[in-house]
C-alpha atoms as a PDB file:
ATOM      1  CA  UNK A   1      73.774  57.583 -21.758  1.00  0.00           C
ATOM      2  CA  UNK A   2      71.877  58.998 -18.779  1.00  0.00           C
ATOM      3  CA  UNK A   3      68.187  58.307 -18.303  1.00  0.00           C
ATOM      4  CA  UNK A   4      65.874  61.025 -19.548  1.00  0.00           C
ATOM      5  CA  UNK A   5      64.575  63.213 -16.713  1.00  0.00           C
ATOM      6  CA  UNK A   6      60.922  62.960 -15.740  1.00  0.00           C
ATOM      7  CA  UNK A   7      58.842  65.980 -16.828  1.00  0.00           C
ATOM      8  CA  UNK A   8      58.174  68.516 -14.076  1.00  0.00           C
ATOM      9  CA  UNK A   9      54.864  68.359 -12.223  1.00  0.00           C
ATOM     10  CA  UNK A  10      52.819  71.345 -13.434  1.00  0.00           C
ATOM     11  CA  UNK A  11      51.076  73.041 -10.517  1.00  0.00           C
ATOM     12  CA  UNK A  12      48.592  75.885 -10.042  1.00  0.00           C
ATOM     13  CA  UNK A  13      48.022  77.406  -6.605  1.00  0.00           C
ATOM     14  CA  UNK A  14      44.676  78.967  -5.632  1.00  0.00           C
ATOM     15  CA  UNK A  15      44.188  81.097  -2.509  1.00  0.00           C
ATOM     16  CA  UNK A  16      42.419  84.409  -2.046  1.00  0.00           C
ATOM     17  CA  UNK A  17      45.027  85.711   0.427  1.00  0.00           C
ATOM     18  CA  UNK A  18      47.920  87.182  -1.535  1.00  0.00           C
ATOM     19  CA  UNK A  19      50.550  86.542   1.137  1.00  0.00           C
ATOM     20  CA  UNK A  20      49.631  82.847   1.328  1.00  0.00           C
ATOM     21  CA  UNK A  21      49.340  82.540  -2.434  1.00  0.00           C
ATOM     22  CA  UNK A  22      52.731  84.151  -2.980  1.00  0.00           C
ATOM     23  CA  UNK A  23      54.312  82.017  -0.275  1.00  0.00           C
ATOM     24  CA  UNK A  24      52.851  78.898  -1.820  1.00  0.00           C
ATOM     25  CA  UNK A  25      54.240  79.788  -5.226  1.00  0.00           C
ATOM     26  CA  UNK A  26      57.648  80.437  -3.680  1.00  0.00           C
ATOM     27  CA  UNK A  27      57.737  77.131  -1.781  1.00  0.00           C
ATOM     28  CA  UNK A  28      56.575  75.126  -4.786  1.00  0.00           C
ATOM     29  CA  UNK A  29      59.012  76.923  -7.071  1.00  0.00           C
ATOM     30  CA  UNK A  30      61.909  75.692  -4.944  1.00  0.00           C
ATOM     31  CA  UNK A  31      61.043  72.046  -5.581  1.00  0.00           C
ATOM     32  CA  UNK A  32      63.242  70.638  -8.355  1.00  0.00           C
ATOM     33  CA  UNK A  33      60.502  68.516  -9.907  1.00  0.00           C
ATOM     34  CA  UNK A  34      57.711  71.132  -9.830  1.00  0.00           C
ATOM     35  CA  UNK A  35      56.847  73.883 -12.309  1.00  0.00           C
ATOM     36  CA  UNK A  36      54.364  76.518 -11.119  1.00  0.00           C
ATOM     37  CA  UNK A  37      52.230  77.434 -14.127  1.00  0.00           C
ATOM     38  CA  UNK A  38      49.756  79.810 -12.508  1.00  0.00           C
ATOM     39  CA  UNK A  39      48.206  81.288  -9.375  1.00  0.00           C
ATOM     40  CA  UNK A  40      44.536  82.090  -8.811  1.00  0.00           C
ATOM     41  CA  UNK A  41      42.900  84.501  -6.377  1.00  0.00           C
ATOM     42  CA  UNK A  42      39.380  83.038  -6.551  1.00  0.00           C
ATOM     43  CA  UNK A  43      37.601  79.819  -7.477  1.00  0.00           C
ATOM     44  CA  UNK A  44      36.507  80.915 -10.943  1.00  0.00           C
ATOM     45  CA  UNK A  45      40.056  81.903 -11.815  1.00  0.00           C
ATOM     46  CA  UNK A  46      41.278  78.525 -10.528  1.00  0.00           C
ATOM     47  CA  UNK A  47      38.882  76.700 -12.845  1.00  0.00           C
ATOM     48  CA  UNK A  48      39.911  78.861 -15.805  1.00  0.00           C
ATOM     49  CA  UNK A  49      43.599  78.134 -15.144  1.00  0.00           C
ATOM     50  CA  UNK A  50      42.938  74.413 -14.826  1.00  0.00           C
ATOM     51  CA  UNK A  51      41.259  74.449 -18.231  1.00  0.00           C
ATOM     52  CA  UNK A  52      43.804  76.684 -19.972  1.00  0.00           C
ATOM     53  CA  UNK A  53      47.129  75.730 -18.342  1.00  0.00           C
ATOM     54  CA  UNK A  54      46.459  71.968 -17.986  1.00  0.00           C
ATOM     55  CA  UNK A  55      48.257  71.584 -14.640  1.00  0.00           C
ATOM     56  CA  UNK A  56      48.855  68.150 -13.172  1.00  0.00           C
ATOM     57  CA  UNK A  57      47.898  69.439  -9.713  1.00  0.00           C
ATOM     58  CA  UNK A  58      45.709  72.315  -8.533  1.00  0.00           C
ATOM     59  CA  UNK A  59      46.199  73.365  -4.907  1.00  0.00           C
ATOM     60  CA  UNK A  60      42.780  74.628  -3.832  1.00  0.00           C
ATOM     61  CA  UNK A  61      41.741  76.705  -0.843  1.00  0.00           C
ATOM     62  CA  UNK A  62      38.112  76.128   0.175  1.00  0.00           C
ATOM     63  CA  UNK A  63      36.992  79.584   1.319  1.00  0.00           C
ATOM     64  CA  UNK A  64      37.372  81.780  -1.748  1.00  0.00           C
ATOM     65  CA  UNK A  65      35.355  84.557  -3.430  1.00  0.00           C
ATOM     66  CA  UNK A  66      33.393  84.342  -6.693  1.00  0.00           C
ATOM     67  CA  UNK A  67      33.315  80.527  -6.566  1.00  0.00           C
ATOM     68  CA  UNK A  68      34.089  78.589  -3.390  1.00  0.00           C
ATOM     69  CA  UNK A  69      36.640  75.783  -3.373  1.00  0.00           C
ATOM     70  CA  UNK A  70      34.142  72.912  -3.311  1.00  0.00           C
ATOM     71  CA  UNK A  71      32.197  74.276  -6.286  1.00  0.00           C
ATOM     72  CA  UNK A  72      35.459  75.043  -8.094  1.00  0.00           C
ATOM     73  CA  UNK A  73      36.710  71.507  -7.427  1.00  0.00           C
ATOM     74  CA  UNK A  74      33.536  70.054  -8.938  1.00  0.00           C
ATOM     75  CA  UNK A  75      33.978  72.281 -12.008  1.00  0.00           C
ATOM     76  CA  UNK A  76      37.603  71.187 -12.404  1.00  0.00           C
ATOM     77  CA  UNK A  77      36.605  67.518 -12.101  1.00  0.00           C
ATOM     78  CA  UNK A  78      34.078  68.039 -14.908  1.00  0.00           C
ATOM     79  CA  UNK A  79      36.012  70.399 -17.182  1.00  0.00           C
ATOM     80  CA  UNK A  80      39.642  69.410 -16.570  1.00  0.00           C
ATOM     81  CA  UNK A  81      39.548  65.840 -15.226  1.00  0.00           C
ATOM     82  CA  UNK A  82      43.265  65.334 -15.920  1.00  0.00           C
ATOM     83  CA  UNK A  83      44.018  67.875 -13.162  1.00  0.00           C
ATOM     84  CA  UNK A  84      44.190  66.475  -9.627  1.00  0.00           C
ATOM     85  CA  UNK A  85      42.787  68.827  -6.989  1.00  0.00           C
ATOM     86  CA  UNK A  86      44.703  68.918  -3.697  1.00  0.00           C
ATOM     87  CA  UNK A  87      42.846  70.922  -1.066  1.00  0.00           C
ATOM     88  CA  UNK A  88      44.996  73.150   1.151  1.00  0.00           C
ATOM     89  CA  UNK A  89      42.838  74.879   3.731  1.00  0.00           C
ATOM     90  CA  UNK A  90      42.472  75.969   7.338  1.00  0.00           C
ATOM     91  CA  UNK A  91      39.332  73.880   7.815  1.00  0.00           C
ATOM     92  CA  UNK A  92      39.296  70.209   8.830  1.00  0.00           C
ATOM     93  CA  UNK A  93      35.654  69.711   9.829  1.00  0.00           C
ATOM     94  CA  UNK A  94      33.591  66.835   8.449  1.00  0.00           C
ATOM     95  CA  UNK A  95      31.436  69.064   6.233  1.00  0.00           C
ATOM     96  CA  UNK A  96      34.448  70.678   4.535  1.00  0.00           C
ATOM     97  CA  UNK A  97      36.329  67.401   4.090  1.00  0.00           C
ATOM     98  CA  UNK A  98      33.428  65.364   2.751  1.00  0.00           C
ATOM     99  CA  UNK A  99      32.222  68.224   0.569  1.00  0.00           C
ATOM    100  CA  UNK A 100      35.630  68.508  -1.079  1.00  0.00           C
ATOM    101  CA  UNK A 101      35.979  64.762  -1.568  1.00  0.00           C
ATOM    102  CA  UNK A 102      32.493  64.431  -3.013  1.00  0.00           C
ATOM    103  CA  UNK A 103      33.360  67.228  -5.441  1.00  0.00           C
ATOM    104  CA  UNK A 104      36.363  65.231  -6.661  1.00  0.00           C
ATOM    105  CA  UNK A 105      39.372  66.360  -4.595  1.00  0.00           C
ATOM    106  CA  UNK A 106      42.151  63.763  -4.573  1.00  0.00           C
ATOM    107  CA  UNK A 107      43.898  65.002  -1.449  1.00  0.00           C
ATOM    108  CA  UNK A 108      43.314  67.206   1.582  1.00  0.00           C
ATOM    109  CA  UNK A 109      45.896  69.068   3.650  1.00  0.00           C
ATOM    110  CA  UNK A 110      45.562  71.738   6.302  1.00  0.00           C
ATOM    111  CA  UNK A 111      47.632  74.912   6.172  1.00  0.00           C
ATOM    112  CA  UNK A 112      49.823  73.839   9.060  1.00  0.00           C
ATOM    113  CA  UNK A 113      51.413  71.238   6.755  1.00  0.00           C
ATOM    114  CA  UNK A 114      55.175  71.568   6.432  1.00  0.00           C
ATOM    115  CA  UNK A 115      57.065  71.954   3.165  1.00  0.00           C
ATOM    116  CA  UNK A 116      58.038  68.268   3.081  1.00  0.00           C
ATOM    117  CA  UNK A 117      54.425  67.166   3.644  1.00  0.00           C
ATOM    118  CA  UNK A 118      53.184  69.537   0.946  1.00  0.00           C
ATOM    119  CA  UNK A 119      55.820  68.328  -1.533  1.00  0.00           C
ATOM    120  CA  UNK A 120      54.987  64.674  -0.823  1.00  0.00           C
ATOM    121  CA  UNK A 121      51.253  65.341  -1.277  1.00  0.00           C
ATOM    122  CA  UNK A 122      51.762  67.139  -4.601  1.00  0.00           C
ATOM    123  CA  UNK A 123      53.853  64.244  -5.897  1.00  0.00           C
ATOM    124  CA  UNK A 124      51.351  61.661  -4.652  1.00  0.00           C
ATOM    125  CA  UNK A 125      48.265  63.187  -6.282  1.00  0.00           C
ATOM    126  CA  UNK A 126      50.242  63.802  -9.485  1.00  0.00           C
ATOM    127  CA  UNK A 127      50.816  60.010  -9.574  1.00  0.00           C
ATOM    128  CA  UNK A 128      47.091  59.400  -9.219  1.00  0.00           C
ATOM    129  CA  UNK A 129      47.176  58.575  -5.518  1.00  0.00           C
ATOM    130  CA  UNK A 130      45.075  60.060  -2.742  1.00  0.00           C
ATOM    131  CA  UNK A 131      46.695  61.722   0.252  1.00  0.00           C
ATOM    132  CA  UNK A 132      45.346  63.269   3.436  1.00  0.00           C
ATOM    133  CA  UNK A 133      46.653  65.017   6.514  1.00  0.00           C
ATOM    134  CA  UNK A 134      46.599  62.555   9.450  1.00  0.00           C
ATOM    135  CA  UNK A 135      43.716  64.297  11.220  1.00  0.00           C
ATOM    136  CA  UNK A 136      41.752  64.392   7.965  1.00  0.00           C
ATOM    137  CA  UNK A 137      42.342  60.689   7.335  1.00  0.00           C
ATOM    138  CA  UNK A 138      41.056  59.903  10.814  1.00  0.00           C
ATOM    139  CA  UNK A 139      37.856  61.854  10.164  1.00  0.00           C
ATOM    140  CA  UNK A 140      37.337  60.086   6.831  1.00  0.00           C
ATOM    141  CA  UNK A 141      37.728  56.672   8.460  1.00  0.00           C
ATOM    142  CA  UNK A 142      35.238  57.700  11.144  1.00  0.00           C
ATOM    143  CA  UNK A 143      32.726  58.861   8.559  1.00  0.00           C
ATOM    144  CA  UNK A 144      33.098  55.683   6.525  1.00  0.00           C
ATOM    145  CA  UNK A 145      32.642  53.522   9.594  1.00  0.00           C
ATOM    146  CA  UNK A 146      29.506  55.405  10.561  1.00  0.00           C
ATOM    147  CA  UNK A 147      27.991  55.672   7.084  1.00  0.00           C
ATOM    148  CA  UNK A 148      29.006  52.511   5.230  1.00  0.00           C
ATOM    149  CA  UNK A 149      25.894  50.559   4.186  1.00  0.00           C
ATOM    150  CA  UNK A 150      25.838  47.031   5.578  1.00  0.00           C
ATOM    151  CA  UNK A 151      24.685  45.601   2.236  1.00  0.00           C
ATOM    152  CA  UNK A 152      27.602  46.988   0.217  1.00  0.00           C
ATOM    153  CA  UNK A 153      30.080  44.135   0.889  1.00  0.00           C
ATOM    154  CA  UNK A 154      27.382  41.528   0.096  1.00  0.00           C
ATOM    155  CA  UNK A 155      26.525  43.265  -3.177  1.00  0.00           C
ATOM    156  CA  UNK A 156      30.162  43.213  -4.300  1.00  0.00           C
ATOM    157  CA  UNK A 157      30.636  39.609  -3.194  1.00  0.00           C
ATOM    158  CA  UNK A 158      27.510  38.564  -5.058  1.00  0.00           C
ATOM    159  CA  UNK A 159      28.745  40.209  -8.254  1.00  0.00           C
ATOM    160  CA  UNK A 160      32.152  38.549  -7.950  1.00  0.00           C
ATOM    161  CA  UNK A 161      30.417  35.191  -7.564  1.00  0.00           C
ATOM    162  CA  UNK A 162      28.402  35.830 -10.736  1.00  0.00           C
ATOM    163  CA  UNK A 163      31.278  37.390 -12.692  1.00  0.00           C
ATOM    164  CA  UNK A 164      34.505  35.833 -11.359  1.00  0.00           C
ATOM    165  CA  UNK A 165      36.717  37.900 -13.650  1.00  0.00           C
ATOM    166  CA  UNK A 166      35.923  41.093 -11.739  1.00  0.00           C
ATOM    167  CA  UNK A 167      38.257  42.456  -9.100  1.00  0.00           C
ATOM    168  CA  UNK A 168      36.830  43.499  -5.742  1.00  0.00           C
ATOM    169  CA  UNK A 169      36.965  47.176  -6.666  1.00  0.00           C
ATOM    170  CA  UNK A 170      35.392  46.564 -10.082  1.00  0.00           C
ATOM    171  CA  UNK A 171      32.547  44.712  -8.363  1.00  0.00           C
ATOM    172  CA  UNK A 172      32.025  47.650  -6.004  1.00  0.00           C
ATOM    173  CA  UNK A 173      31.937  50.058  -8.944  1.00  0.00           C
ATOM    174  CA  UNK A 174      29.535  47.828 -10.873  1.00  0.00           C
ATOM    175  CA  UNK A 175      27.192  47.611  -7.878  1.00  0.00           C
ATOM    176  CA  UNK A 176      27.045  51.417  -7.747  1.00  0.00           C
ATOM    177  CA  UNK A 177      26.543  51.645 -11.518  1.00  0.00           C
ATOM    178  CA  UNK A 178      23.604  49.273 -11.124  1.00  0.00           C
ATOM    179  CA  UNK A 179      22.159  51.626  -8.503  1.00  0.00           C
ATOM    180  CA  UNK A 180      22.198  54.400 -11.120  1.00  0.00           C
ATOM    181  CA  UNK A 181      25.041  56.486  -9.672  1.00  0.00           C
ATOM    182  CA  UNK A 182      27.046  58.762 -11.979  1.00  0.00           C
ATOM    183  CA  UNK A 183      30.834  58.539 -12.278  1.00  0.00           C
ATOM    184  CA  UNK A 184      31.189  61.546  -9.994  1.00  0.00           C
ATOM    185  CA  UNK A 185      28.889  60.034  -7.379  1.00  0.00           C
ATOM    186  CA  UNK A 186      30.749  56.714  -7.546  1.00  0.00           C
ATOM    187  CA  UNK A 187      34.071  58.527  -7.128  1.00  0.00           C
ATOM    188  CA  UNK A 188      32.744  60.321  -4.058  1.00  0.00           C
ATOM    189  CA  UNK A 189      31.344  57.119  -2.553  1.00  0.00           C
ATOM    190  CA  UNK A 190      34.602  55.210  -2.984  1.00  0.00           C
ATOM    191  CA  UNK A 191      36.934  58.192  -2.360  1.00  0.00           C
ATOM    192  CA  UNK A 192      38.738  57.816  -5.673  1.00  0.00           C
ATOM    193  CA  UNK A 193      39.091  60.102  -8.680  1.00  0.00           C
ATOM    194  CA  UNK A 194      36.604  60.229 -11.557  1.00  0.00           C
ATOM    195  CA  UNK A 195      39.414  59.108 -13.863  1.00  0.00           C
ATOM    196  CA  UNK A 196      39.902  55.983 -11.715  1.00  0.00           C
ATOM    197  CA  UNK A 197      36.177  55.226 -11.888  1.00  0.00           C
ATOM    198  CA  UNK A 198      36.263  55.536 -15.688  1.00  0.00           C
ATOM    199  CA  UNK A 199      39.199  53.115 -15.834  1.00  0.00           C
ATOM    200  CA  UNK A 200      37.295  50.566 -13.725  1.00  0.00           C
ATOM    201  CA  UNK A 201      34.149  50.976 -15.835  1.00  0.00           C
ATOM    202  CA  UNK A 202      36.068  50.413 -19.070  1.00  0.00           C
ATOM    203  CA  UNK A 203      37.560  47.243 -17.576  1.00  0.00           C
ATOM    204  CA  UNK A 204      34.104  46.098 -16.452  1.00  0.00           C
ATOM    205  CA  UNK A 205      32.615  46.642 -19.904  1.00  0.00           C
ATOM    206  CA  UNK A 206      35.439  44.629 -21.484  1.00  0.00           C
ATOM    207  CA  UNK A 207      35.144  41.752 -19.003  1.00  0.00           C
ATOM    208  CA  UNK A 208      31.352  41.568 -19.239  1.00  0.00           C
ATOM    209  CA  UNK A 209      31.334  42.104 -23.024  1.00  0.00           C
ATOM    210  CA  UNK A 210      28.856  44.991 -22.813  1.00  0.00           C
ATOM    211  CA  UNK A 211      28.928  48.272 -24.720  1.00  0.00           C
ATOM    212  CA  UNK A 212      27.497  50.731 -22.212  1.00  0.00           C
ATOM    213  CA  UNK A 213      26.030  51.297 -18.755  1.00  0.00           C
ATOM    214  CA  UNK A 214      22.538  50.296 -19.837  1.00  0.00           C
ATOM    215  CA  UNK A 215      23.732  46.852 -20.951  1.00  0.00           C
ATOM    216  CA  UNK A 216      25.806  46.466 -17.773  1.00  0.00           C
ATOM    217  CA  UNK A 217      22.818  47.329 -15.575  1.00  0.00           C
ATOM    218  CA  UNK A 218      20.551  44.968 -17.537  1.00  0.00           C
ATOM    219  CA  UNK A 219      23.082  42.168 -17.092  1.00  0.00           C
ATOM    220  CA  UNK A 220      23.368  42.759 -13.343  1.00  0.00           C
ATOM    221  CA  UNK A 221      19.600  42.828 -12.907  1.00  0.00           C
ATOM    222  CA  UNK A 222      18.947  39.793 -15.094  1.00  0.00           C
END
């Protein structure tokens, strides 16, 4: 008996330029493991499709009418968190990249990406991974190096010493929880998805035997 085939990756493409949007749908439709379930011409339509069609991946342009890509990404992260946003845009400046990541984007490609790179990125974010064009990754590393607070490693190390059952990443998340950051803010700070943050927080609550954030914060500050 042959193994059951994996379900197709459900994808929505969002771009205000019809020729690019149609080309994107065509390229994605040729991939054997992808099912295109919608195409949006503006940010508001992209959010509506994410909520109604439940795609695994939403390819998002940043410069769009009605609702820009960053605002639309933030709405998708809040209203359809199971959908991974993969930015596909012309812009690769720090403001665009960091804005998209802070809003909850899981990946970032520029429009000069080839079909193979696009296919690999769609598959990666559908698996819960983050993926970036090489030039985008370099800018992210530069921003992290410039902006990373010196106290952050010490805070995580201190929490691990107090609560040895925590992993390094769980300690980093707990330190940010203790600072009062929301799940979305933690996701932006650590460049992970909101869903990943929620998974870490659930693990932290179980390991520390606390019921909620308030108890976790009280324990850290005690």
